[in-house]
PDB file of N, CA and C in Angstrom:
ATOM      1  N   UNK A   1     -38.112  19.363  49.268  1.00  0.00           N
ATOM      2  CA  UNK A   1     -36.932  18.543  49.189  1.00  0.00           C
ATOM      3  C   UNK A   1     -37.023  17.444  48.108  1.00  0.00           C
ATOM      4  N   UNK A   2     -38.177  16.814  48.112  1.00  0.00           N
ATOM      5  CA  UNK A   2     -38.436  15.713  47.107  1.00  0.00           C
ATOM      6  C   UNK A   2     -38.416  16.298  45.726  1.00  0.00           C
ATOM      7  N   UNK A   3     -38.945  17.451  45.512  1.00  0.00           N
ATOM      8  CA  UNK A   3     -38.992  18.054  44.218  1.00  0.00           C
ATOM      9  C   UNK A   3     -37.581  18.345  43.728  1.00  0.00           C
ATOM     10  N   UNK A   4     -36.780  18.819  44.629  1.00  0.00           N
ATOM     11  CA  UNK A   4     -35.351  19.139  44.276  1.00  0.00           C
ATOM     12  C   UNK A   4     -34.642  17.859  43.887  1.00  0.00           C
ATOM     13  N   UNK A   5     -34.844  16.802  44.610  1.00  0.00           N
ATOM     14  CA  UNK A   5     -34.173  15.515  44.356  1.00  0.00           C
ATOM     15  C   UNK A   5     -34.683  14.930  43.031  1.00  0.00           C
ATOM     16  N   UNK A   6     -35.979  15.065  42.727  1.00  0.00           N
ATOM     17  CA  UNK A   6     -36.539  14.629  41.490  1.00  0.00           C
ATOM     18  C   UNK A   6     -35.889  15.383  40.305  1.00  0.00           C
ATOM     19  N   UNK A   7     -35.734  16.692  40.488  1.00  0.00           N
ATOM     20  CA  UNK A   7     -35.145  17.556  39.440  1.00  0.00           C
ATOM     21  C   UNK A   7     -33.665  17.141  39.213  1.00  0.00           C
ATOM     22  N   UNK A   8     -32.956  16.917  40.326  1.00  0.00           N
ATOM     23  CA  UNK A   8     -31.570  16.498  40.251  1.00  0.00           C
ATOM     24  C   UNK A   8     -31.464  15.151  39.533  1.00  0.00           C
ATOM     25  N   UNK A   9     -32.376  14.279  39.881  1.00  0.00           N
ATOM     26  CA  UNK A   9     -32.451  12.880  39.208  1.00  0.00           C
ATOM     27  C   UNK A   9     -32.661  13.054  37.731  1.00  0.00           C
ATOM     28  N   UNK A  10     -33.572  13.939  37.329  1.00  0.00           N
ATOM     29  CA  UNK A  10     -33.843  14.210  35.882  1.00  0.00           C
ATOM     30  C   UNK A  10     -32.648  14.725  35.219  1.00  0.00           C
ATOM     31  N   UNK A  11     -31.874  15.680  35.822  1.00  0.00           N
ATOM     32  CA  UNK A  11     -30.706  16.260  35.260  1.00  0.00           C
ATOM     33  C   UNK A  11     -29.608  15.211  35.082  1.00  0.00           C
ATOM     34  N   UNK A  12     -29.475  14.367  36.131  1.00  0.00           N
ATOM     35  CA  UNK A  12     -28.451  13.281  36.088  1.00  0.00           C
ATOM     36  C   UNK A  12     -28.817  12.289  34.998  1.00  0.00           C
ATOM     37  N   UNK A  13     -30.082  11.956  34.870  1.00  0.00           N
ATOM     38  CA  UNK A  13     -30.567  11.050  33.842  1.00  0.00           C
ATOM     39  C   UNK A  13     -30.283  11.637  32.475  1.00  0.00           C
ATOM     40  N   UNK A  14     -30.546  12.892  32.275  1.00  0.00           N
ATOM     41  CA  UNK A  14     -30.231  13.531  30.955  1.00  0.00           C
ATOM     42  C   UNK A  14     -28.721  13.515  30.669  1.00  0.00           C
ATOM     43  N   UNK A  15     -27.951  13.808  31.708  1.00  0.00           N
ATOM     44  CA  UNK A  15     -26.496  13.768  31.533  1.00  0.00           C
ATOM     45  C   UNK A  15     -26.033  12.391  31.110  1.00  0.00           C
ATOM     46  N   UNK A  16     -26.612  11.381  31.753  1.00  0.00           N
ATOM     47  CA  UNK A  16     -26.221   9.992  31.510  1.00  0.00           C
ATOM     48  C   UNK A  16     -26.551   9.622  30.031  1.00  0.00           C
ATOM     49  N   UNK A  17     -27.759  10.011  29.624  1.00  0.00           N
ATOM     50  CA  UNK A  17     -28.138   9.767  28.225  1.00  0.00           C
ATOM     51  C   UNK A  17     -27.177  10.457  27.263  1.00  0.00           C
ATOM     52  N   UNK A  18     -26.815  11.650  27.570  1.00  0.00           N
ATOM     53  CA  UNK A  18     -25.940  12.463  26.735  1.00  0.00           C
ATOM     54  C   UNK A  18     -24.588  11.763  26.645  1.00  0.00           C
ATOM     55  N   UNK A  19     -24.070  11.296  27.744  1.00  0.00           N
ATOM     56  CA  UNK A  19     -22.767  10.601  27.817  1.00  0.00           C
ATOM     57  C   UNK A  19     -22.871   9.290  27.053  1.00  0.00           C
ATOM     58  N   UNK A  20     -23.947   8.588  27.099  1.00  0.00           N
ATOM     59  CA  UNK A  20     -24.079   7.328  26.350  1.00  0.00           C
ATOM     60  C   UNK A  20     -24.097   7.557  24.880  1.00  0.00           C
ATOM     61  N   UNK A  21     -24.745   8.611  24.419  1.00  0.00           N
ATOM     62  CA  UNK A  21     -24.737   8.972  23.008  1.00  0.00           C
ATOM     63  C   UNK A  21     -23.362   9.363  22.575  1.00  0.00           C
ATOM     64  N   UNK A  22     -22.649  10.193  23.391  1.00  0.00           N
ATOM     65  CA  UNK A  22     -21.266  10.554  23.038  1.00  0.00           C
ATOM     66  C   UNK A  22     -20.377   9.339  22.965  1.00  0.00           C
ATOM     67  N   UNK A  23     -20.541   8.414  23.898  1.00  0.00           N
ATOM     68  CA  UNK A  23     -19.718   7.189  23.935  1.00  0.00           C
ATOM     69  C   UNK A  23     -19.972   6.395  22.622  1.00  0.00           C
ATOM     70  N   UNK A  24     -21.226   6.267  22.225  1.00  0.00           N
ATOM     71  CA  UNK A  24     -21.550   5.498  21.030  1.00  0.00           C
ATOM     72  C   UNK A  24     -20.904   6.154  19.803  1.00  0.00           C
ATOM     73  N   UNK A  25     -21.032   7.472  19.702  1.00  0.00           N
ATOM     74  CA  UNK A  25     -20.381   8.198  18.592  1.00  0.00           C
ATOM     75  C   UNK A  25     -18.887   7.990  18.608  1.00  0.00           C
ATOM     76  N   UNK A  26     -18.267   8.064  19.726  1.00  0.00           N
ATOM     77  CA  UNK A  26     -16.834   7.872  19.825  1.00  0.00           C
ATOM     78  C   UNK A  26     -16.415   6.448  19.438  1.00  0.00           C
ATOM     79  N   UNK A  27     -17.230   5.471  19.817  1.00  0.00           N
ATOM     80  CA  UNK A  27     -16.969   4.049  19.468  1.00  0.00           C
ATOM     81  C   UNK A  27     -17.054   3.906  17.962  1.00  0.00           C
ATOM     82  N   UNK A  28     -18.031   4.557  17.325  1.00  0.00           N
ATOM     83  CA  UNK A  28     -18.156   4.470  15.898  1.00  0.00           C
ATOM     84  C   UNK A  28     -16.953   5.102  15.180  1.00  0.00           C
ATOM     85  N   UNK A  29     -16.456   6.208  15.697  1.00  0.00           N
ATOM     86  CA  UNK A  29     -15.289   6.854  15.146  1.00  0.00           C
ATOM     87  C   UNK A  29     -14.107   5.976  15.294  1.00  0.00           C
ATOM     88  N   UNK A  30     -13.955   5.406  16.472  1.00  0.00           N
ATOM     89  CA  UNK A  30     -12.874   4.489  16.728  1.00  0.00           C
ATOM     90  C   UNK A  30     -12.814   3.274  15.828  1.00  0.00           C
ATOM     91  N   UNK A  31     -14.022   2.705  15.576  1.00  0.00           N
ATOM     92  CA  UNK A  31     -14.103   1.562  14.631  1.00  0.00           C
ATOM     93  C   UNK A  31     -13.747   2.007  13.211  1.00  0.00           C
ATOM     94  N   UNK A  32     -14.211   3.202  12.854  1.00  0.00           N
ATOM     95  CA  UNK A  32     -13.860   3.714  11.512  1.00  0.00           C
ATOM     96  C   UNK A  32     -12.394   3.946  11.387  1.00  0.00           C
ATOM     97  N   UNK A  33     -11.745   4.466  12.413  1.00  0.00           N
ATOM     98  CA  UNK A  33     -10.299   4.674  12.349  1.00  0.00           C
ATOM     99  C   UNK A  33      -9.574   3.354  12.283  1.00  0.00           C
ATOM    100  N   UNK A  34     -10.010   2.332  12.989  1.00  0.00           N
ATOM    101  CA  UNK A  34      -9.384   1.043  12.959  1.00  0.00           C
ATOM    102  C   UNK A  34      -9.510   0.421  11.551  1.00  0.00           C
ATOM    103  N   UNK A  35     -10.654   0.583  10.950  1.00  0.00           N
ATOM    104  CA  UNK A  35     -10.916   0.060   9.573  1.00  0.00           C
ATOM    105  C   UNK A  35     -10.000   0.772   8.615  1.00  0.00           C
ATOM    106  N   UNK A  36      -9.842   2.098   8.737  1.00  0.00           N
ATOM    107  CA  UNK A  36      -8.962   2.885   7.895  1.00  0.00           C
ATOM    108  C   UNK A  36      -7.541   2.438   8.082  1.00  0.00           C
ATOM    109  N   UNK A  37      -7.153   2.213   9.308  1.00  0.00           N
ATOM    110  CA  UNK A  37      -5.780   1.783   9.630  1.00  0.00           C
ATOM    111  C   UNK A  37      -5.465   0.418   8.984  1.00  0.00           C
ATOM    112  N   UNK A  38      -6.429  -0.547   9.028  1.00  0.00           N
ATOM    113  CA  UNK A  38      -6.263  -1.819   8.395  1.00  0.00           C
ATOM    114  C   UNK A  38      -6.138  -1.691   6.894  1.00  0.00           C
ATOM    115  N   UNK A  39      -6.932  -0.802   6.286  1.00  0.00           N
ATOM    116  CA  UNK A  39      -6.916  -0.615   4.888  1.00  0.00           C
ATOM    117  C   UNK A  39      -5.512   0.010   4.453  1.00  0.00           C
ATOM    118  N   UNK A  40      -5.075   0.970   5.165  1.00  0.00           N
ATOM    119  CA  UNK A  40      -3.804   1.602   4.905  1.00  0.00           C
ATOM    120  C   UNK A  40      -2.633   0.651   5.111  1.00  0.00           C
ATOM    121  N   UNK A  41      -2.728  -0.199   6.092  1.00  0.00           N
ATOM    122  CA  UNK A  41      -1.689  -1.204   6.318  1.00  0.00           C
ATOM    123  C   UNK A  41      -1.641  -2.193   5.221  1.00  0.00           C
ATOM    124  N   UNK A  42      -2.782  -2.591   4.704  1.00  0.00           N
ATOM    125  CA  UNK A  42      -2.869  -3.534   3.550  1.00  0.00           C
ATOM    126  C   UNK A  42      -2.312  -2.867   2.315  1.00  0.00           C
ATOM    127  N   UNK A  43      -2.616  -1.623   2.084  1.00  0.00           N
ATOM    128  CA  UNK A  43      -2.064  -0.886   0.953  1.00  0.00           C
ATOM    129  C   UNK A  43      -0.593  -0.743   1.060  1.00  0.00           C
ATOM    130  N   UNK A  44      -0.067  -0.564   2.268  1.00  0.00           N
ATOM    131  CA  UNK A  44       1.376  -0.455   2.473  1.00  0.00           C
ATOM    132  C   UNK A  44       2.058  -1.752   2.132  1.00  0.00           C
ATOM    133  N   UNK A  45       1.448  -2.864   2.552  1.00  0.00           N
ATOM    134  CA  UNK A  45       2.001  -4.212   2.316  1.00  0.00           C
ATOM    135  C   UNK A  45       2.037  -4.441   0.773  1.00  0.00           C
ATOM    136  N   UNK A  46       0.973  -4.087   0.095  1.00  0.00           N
ATOM    137  CA  UNK A  46       0.930  -4.218  -1.369  1.00  0.00           C
ATOM    138  C   UNK A  46       1.968  -3.420  -1.987  1.00  0.00           C
ATOM    139  N   UNK A  47       2.146  -2.171  -1.608  1.00  0.00           N
ATOM    140  CA  UNK A  47       3.226  -1.365  -2.161  1.00  0.00           C
ATOM    141  C   UNK A  47       4.593  -1.872  -1.882  1.00  0.00           C
ATOM    142  N   UNK A  48       4.823  -2.442  -0.683  1.00  0.00           N
ATOM    143  CA  UNK A  48       6.110  -2.998  -0.417  1.00  0.00           C
ATOM    144  C   UNK A  48       6.345  -4.242  -1.304  1.00  0.00           C
ATOM    145  N   UNK A  49       5.323  -5.023  -1.509  1.00  0.00           N
ATOM    146  CA  UNK A  49       5.506  -6.189  -2.349  1.00  0.00           C
ATOM    147  C   UNK A  49       5.788  -5.784  -3.828  1.00  0.00           C
ATOM    148  N   UNK A  50       5.098  -4.759  -4.298  1.00  0.00           N
ATOM    149  CA  UNK A  50       5.362  -4.219  -5.646  1.00  0.00           C
ATOM    150  C   UNK A  50       6.793  -3.728  -5.714  1.00  0.00           C
ATOM    151  N   UNK A  51       7.203  -3.018  -4.698  1.00  0.00           N
ATOM    152  CA  UNK A  51       8.585  -2.488  -4.694  1.00  0.00           C
ATOM    153  C   UNK A  51       9.597  -3.586  -4.793  1.00  0.00           C
ATOM    154  N   UNK A  52       9.441  -4.657  -4.041  1.00  0.00           N
ATOM    155  CA  UNK A  52      10.287  -5.801  -4.068  1.00  0.00           C
ATOM    156  C   UNK A  52      10.278  -6.453  -5.459  1.00  0.00           C
ATOM    157  N   UNK A  53       9.132  -6.571  -6.034  1.00  0.00           N
ATOM    158  CA  UNK A  53       9.040  -7.185  -7.363  1.00  0.00           C
ATOM    159  C   UNK A  53       9.747  -6.333  -8.390  1.00  0.00           C
ATOM    160  N   UNK A  54       9.499  -5.020  -8.327  1.00  0.00           N
ATOM    161  CA  UNK A  54      10.183  -4.081  -9.310  1.00  0.00           C
ATOM    162  C   UNK A  54      11.635  -4.135  -9.112  1.00  0.00           C
ATOM    163  N   UNK A  55      12.140  -4.164  -7.895  1.00  0.00           N
ATOM    164  CA  UNK A  55      13.585  -4.191  -7.670  1.00  0.00           C
ATOM    165  C   UNK A  55      14.205  -5.451  -8.276  1.00  0.00           C
ATOM    166  N   UNK A  56      13.511  -6.567  -8.117  1.00  0.00           N
ATOM    167  CA  UNK A  56      13.983  -7.868  -8.683  1.00  0.00           C
ATOM    168  C   UNK A  56      13.993  -7.779 -10.221  1.00  0.00           C
ATOM    169  N   UNK A  57      12.927  -7.216 -10.767  1.00  0.00           N
ATOM    170  CA  UNK A  57      12.873  -7.082 -12.260  1.00  0.00           C
ATOM    171  C   UNK A  57      14.022  -6.176 -12.736  1.00  0.00           C
ATOM    172  N   UNK A  58      14.263  -5.082 -12.029  1.00  0.00           N
ATOM    173  CA  UNK A  58      15.343  -4.167 -12.412  1.00  0.00           C
ATOM    174  C   UNK A  58      16.728  -4.882 -12.325  1.00  0.00           C
ATOM    175  N   UNK A  59      16.892  -5.677 -11.251  1.00  0.00           N
ATOM    176  CA  UNK A  59      18.181  -6.421 -11.148  1.00  0.00           C
ATOM    177  C   UNK A  59      18.349  -7.386 -12.304  1.00  0.00           C
ATOM    178  N   UNK A  60      17.241  -8.041 -12.692  1.00  0.00           N
ATOM    179  CA  UNK A  60      17.308  -8.997 -13.808  1.00  0.00           C
ATOM    180  C   UNK A  60      17.631  -8.261 -15.103  1.00  0.00           C
ATOM    181  N   UNK A  61      16.981  -7.112 -15.316  1.00  0.00           N
ATOM    182  CA  UNK A  61      17.188  -6.396 -16.559  1.00  0.00           C
ATOM    183  C   UNK A  61      18.577  -5.816 -16.590  1.00  0.00           C
ATOM    184  N   UNK A  62      19.133  -5.420 -15.433  1.00  0.00           N
ATOM    185  CA  UNK A  62      20.485  -4.919 -15.375  1.00  0.00           C
ATOM    186  C   UNK A  62      21.470  -6.020 -15.772  1.00  0.00           C
ATOM    187  N   UNK A  63      21.212  -7.161 -15.251  1.00  0.00           N
ATOM    188  CA  UNK A  63      22.045  -8.384 -15.525  1.00  0.00           C
ATOM    189  C   UNK A  63      22.020  -8.659 -17.022  1.00  0.00           C
ATOM    190  N   UNK A  64      20.811  -8.625 -17.631  1.00  0.00           N
ATOM    191  CA  UNK A  64      20.694  -8.897 -19.069  1.00  0.00           C
ATOM    192  C   UNK A  64      21.416  -7.784 -19.850  1.00  0.00           C
ATOM    193  N   UNK A  65      21.342  -6.554 -19.447  1.00  0.00           N
ATOM    194  CA  UNK A  65      22.001  -5.429 -20.113  1.00  0.00           C
ATOM    195  C   UNK A  65      23.475  -5.677 -20.075  1.00  0.00           C
ATOM    196  N   UNK A  66      24.032  -6.102 -18.959  1.00  0.00           N
ATOM    197  CA  UNK A  66      25.437  -6.457 -18.857  1.00  0.00           C
ATOM    198  C   UNK A  66      25.785  -7.582 -19.807  1.00  0.00           C
ATOM    199  N   UNK A  67      24.885  -8.544 -19.926  1.00  0.00           N
ATOM    200  CA  UNK A  67      25.164  -9.645 -20.883  1.00  0.00           C
ATOM    201  C   UNK A  67      25.221  -9.160 -22.289  1.00  0.00           C
ATOM    202  N   UNK A  68      24.321  -8.202 -22.658  1.00  0.00           N
ATOM    203  CA  UNK A  68      24.362  -7.641 -23.970  1.00  0.00           C
ATOM    204  C   UNK A  68      25.618  -6.895 -24.187  1.00  0.00           C
ATOM    205  N   UNK A  69      26.026  -6.138 -23.234  1.00  0.00           N
ATOM    206  CA  UNK A  69      27.302  -5.373 -23.419  1.00  0.00           C
ATOM    207  C   UNK A  69      28.525  -6.328 -23.551  1.00  0.00           C
ATOM    208  N   UNK A  70      28.513  -7.398 -22.743  1.00  0.00           N
ATOM    209  CA  UNK A  70      29.557  -8.407 -22.849  1.00  0.00           C
ATOM    210  C   UNK A  70      29.524  -9.102 -24.187  1.00  0.00           C
ATOM    211  N   UNK A  71      28.343  -9.302 -24.704  1.00  0.00           N
ATOM    212  CA  UNK A  71      28.190  -9.978 -25.971  1.00  0.00           C
ATOM    213  C   UNK A  71      28.840  -9.109 -27.070  1.00  0.00           C
ATOM    214  N   UNK A  72      28.545  -7.867 -27.092  1.00  0.00           N
ATOM    215  CA  UNK A  72      29.094  -6.964 -28.090  1.00  0.00           C
ATOM    216  C   UNK A  72      30.624  -6.824 -27.852  1.00  0.00           C
ATOM    217  N   UNK A  73      31.098  -6.729 -26.620  1.00  0.00           N
ATOM    218  CA  UNK A  73      32.491  -6.590 -26.319  1.00  0.00           C
ATOM    219  C   UNK A  73      33.303  -7.810 -26.653  1.00  0.00           C
ATOM    220  N   UNK A  74      32.681  -8.952 -26.541  1.00  0.00           N
ATOM    221  CA  UNK A  74      33.430 -10.241 -26.772  1.00  0.00           C
ATOM    222  C   UNK A  74      33.522 -10.584 -28.195  1.00  0.00           C
ATOM    223  N   UNK A  75      32.812  -9.830 -29.060  1.00  0.00           N
ATOM    224  CA  UNK A  75      32.871 -10.137 -30.502  1.00  0.00           C
ATOM    225  C   UNK A  75      32.015 -11.342 -30.915  1.00  0.00           C
ATOM    226  N   UNK A  76      30.995 -11.597 -30.067  1.00  0.00           N
ATOM    227  CA  UNK A  76      30.066 -12.708 -30.451  1.00  0.00           C
ATOM    228  C   UNK A  76      29.367 -12.348 -31.722  1.00  0.00           C
ATOM    229  N   UNK A  77      28.639 -13.361 -32.229  1.00  0.00           N
ATOM    230  CA  UNK A  77      27.887 -13.084 -33.452  1.00  0.00           C
ATOM    231  C   UNK A  77      26.918 -11.973 -33.251  1.00  0.00           C
ATOM    232  N   UNK A  78      26.860 -11.140 -34.257  1.00  0.00           N
ATOM    233  CA  UNK A  78      26.021  -9.923 -34.208  1.00  0.00           C
ATOM    234  C   UNK A  78      24.550 -10.270 -34.047  1.00  0.00           C
ATOM    235  N   UNK A  79      24.132 -11.342 -34.642  1.00  0.00           N
ATOM    236  CA  UNK A  79      22.717 -11.758 -34.550  1.00  0.00           C
ATOM    237  C   UNK A  79      22.345 -12.148 -33.090  1.00  0.00           C
ATOM    238  N   UNK A  80      23.228 -12.895 -32.430  1.00  0.00           N
ATOM    239  CA  UNK A  80      22.975 -13.293 -31.068  1.00  0.00           C
ATOM    240  C   UNK A  80      22.902 -12.008 -30.131  1.00  0.00           C
ATOM    241  N   UNK A  81      23.812 -11.106 -30.342  1.00  0.00           N
ATOM    242  CA  UNK A  81      23.789  -9.877 -29.531  1.00  0.00           C
ATOM    243  C   UNK A  81      22.548  -9.019 -29.810  1.00  0.00           C
ATOM    244  N   UNK A  82      22.195  -8.990 -31.062  1.00  0.00           N
ATOM    245  CA  UNK A  82      21.000  -8.144 -31.418  1.00  0.00           C
ATOM    246  C   UNK A  82      19.715  -8.853 -30.845  1.00  0.00           C
ATOM    247  N   UNK A  83      19.667 -10.134 -30.861  1.00  0.00           N
ATOM    248  CA  UNK A  83      18.500 -10.795 -30.264  1.00  0.00           C
ATOM    249  C   UNK A  83      18.409 -10.525 -28.735  1.00  0.00           C
ATOM    250  N   UNK A  84      19.535 -10.624 -28.079  1.00  0.00           N
ATOM    251  CA  UNK A  84      19.556 -10.355 -26.654  1.00  0.00           C
ATOM    252  C   UNK A  84      19.159  -8.906 -26.365  1.00  0.00           C
ATOM    253  N   UNK A  85      19.626  -7.999 -27.218  1.00  0.00           N
ATOM    254  CA  UNK A  85      19.296  -6.562 -27.081  1.00  0.00           C
ATOM    255  C   UNK A  85      17.809  -6.355 -27.265  1.00  0.00           C
ATOM    256  N   UNK A  86      17.262  -6.941 -28.305  1.00  0.00           N
ATOM    257  CA  UNK A  86      15.777  -6.755 -28.603  1.00  0.00           C
ATOM    258  C   UNK A  86      14.949  -7.374 -27.429  1.00  0.00           C
ATOM    259  N   UNK A  87      15.391  -8.521 -26.956  1.00  0.00           N
ATOM    260  CA  UNK A  87      14.639  -9.138 -25.827  1.00  0.00           C
ATOM    261  C   UNK A  87      14.684  -8.259 -24.607  1.00  0.00           C
ATOM    262  N   UNK A  88      15.815  -7.633 -24.344  1.00  0.00           N
ATOM    263  CA  UNK A  88      15.986  -6.741 -23.223  1.00  0.00           C
ATOM    264  C   UNK A  88      15.011  -5.546 -23.388  1.00  0.00           C
ATOM    265  N   UNK A  89      15.035  -5.002 -24.586  1.00  0.00           N
ATOM    266  CA  UNK A  89      14.109  -3.823 -24.774  1.00  0.00           C
ATOM    267  C   UNK A  89      12.646  -4.226 -24.673  1.00  0.00           C
ATOM    268  N   UNK A  90      12.289  -5.342 -25.165  1.00  0.00           N
ATOM    269  CA  UNK A  90      10.929  -5.777 -25.047  1.00  0.00           C
ATOM    270  C   UNK A  90      10.485  -5.962 -23.583  1.00  0.00           C
ATOM    271  N   UNK A  91      11.439  -6.593 -22.824  1.00  0.00           N
ATOM    272  CA  UNK A  91      11.119  -6.727 -21.382  1.00  0.00           C
ATOM    273  C   UNK A  91      11.032  -5.355 -20.668  1.00  0.00           C
ATOM    274  N   UNK A  92      11.886  -4.456 -21.064  1.00  0.00           N
ATOM    275  CA  UNK A  92      11.887  -3.137 -20.480  1.00  0.00           C
ATOM    276  C   UNK A  92      10.521  -2.438 -20.743  1.00  0.00           C
ATOM    277  N   UNK A  93      10.081  -2.469 -21.967  1.00  0.00           N
ATOM    278  CA  UNK A  93       8.822  -1.844 -22.284  1.00  0.00           C
ATOM    279  C   UNK A  93       7.627  -2.461 -21.575  1.00  0.00           C
ATOM    280  N   UNK A  94       7.668  -3.808 -21.448  1.00  0.00           N
ATOM    281  CA  UNK A  94       6.591  -4.567 -20.752  1.00  0.00           C
ATOM    282  C   UNK A  94       6.637  -4.091 -19.280  1.00  0.00           C
ATOM    283  N   UNK A  95       7.826  -4.024 -18.702  1.00  0.00           N
ATOM    284  CA  UNK A  95       7.929  -3.574 -17.312  1.00  0.00           C
ATOM    285  C   UNK A  95       7.418  -2.147 -17.088  1.00  0.00           C
ATOM    286  N   UNK A  96       7.806  -1.209 -18.010  1.00  0.00           N
ATOM    287  CA  UNK A  96       7.347   0.159 -17.887  1.00  0.00           C
ATOM    288  C   UNK A  96       5.804   0.268 -18.041  1.00  0.00           C
ATOM    289  N   UNK A  97       5.262  -0.506 -18.916  1.00  0.00           N
ATOM    290  CA  UNK A  97       3.818  -0.459 -19.118  1.00  0.00           C
ATOM    291  C   UNK A  97       3.035  -1.047 -17.963  1.00  0.00           C
ATOM    292  N   UNK A  98       3.699  -1.889 -17.151  1.00  0.00           N
ATOM    293  CA  UNK A  98       3.022  -2.438 -15.977  1.00  0.00           C
ATOM    294  C   UNK A  98       2.957  -1.527 -14.811  1.00  0.00           C
ATOM    295  N   UNK A  99       3.730  -0.435 -14.851  1.00  0.00           N
ATOM    296  CA  UNK A  99       3.738   0.528 -13.770  1.00  0.00           C
ATOM    297  C   UNK A  99       2.544   1.322 -13.772  1.00  0.00           C
TER     298      UNK A  99
END
């Protein structure tokens, strides 16, 4: 009877060790997933901030384009209109190159 109990104790001990190893591996995986989630969340926030910045830049450029169109339509001096147009193009190319 004692031998059987000792064998059962050995089996239970081995099972416990196996479960502890599995728990440790699962904990490591869980921590890795949490780290990946934090990284992805940070990247999402950066992307949303970029999107907001780009939208604001596009709104500003649209407004300037409207000013250039109004400048030409109102018969303002050609030099003033041309300068506004060149400035708008320059800002556009700077914006595109930043993407």
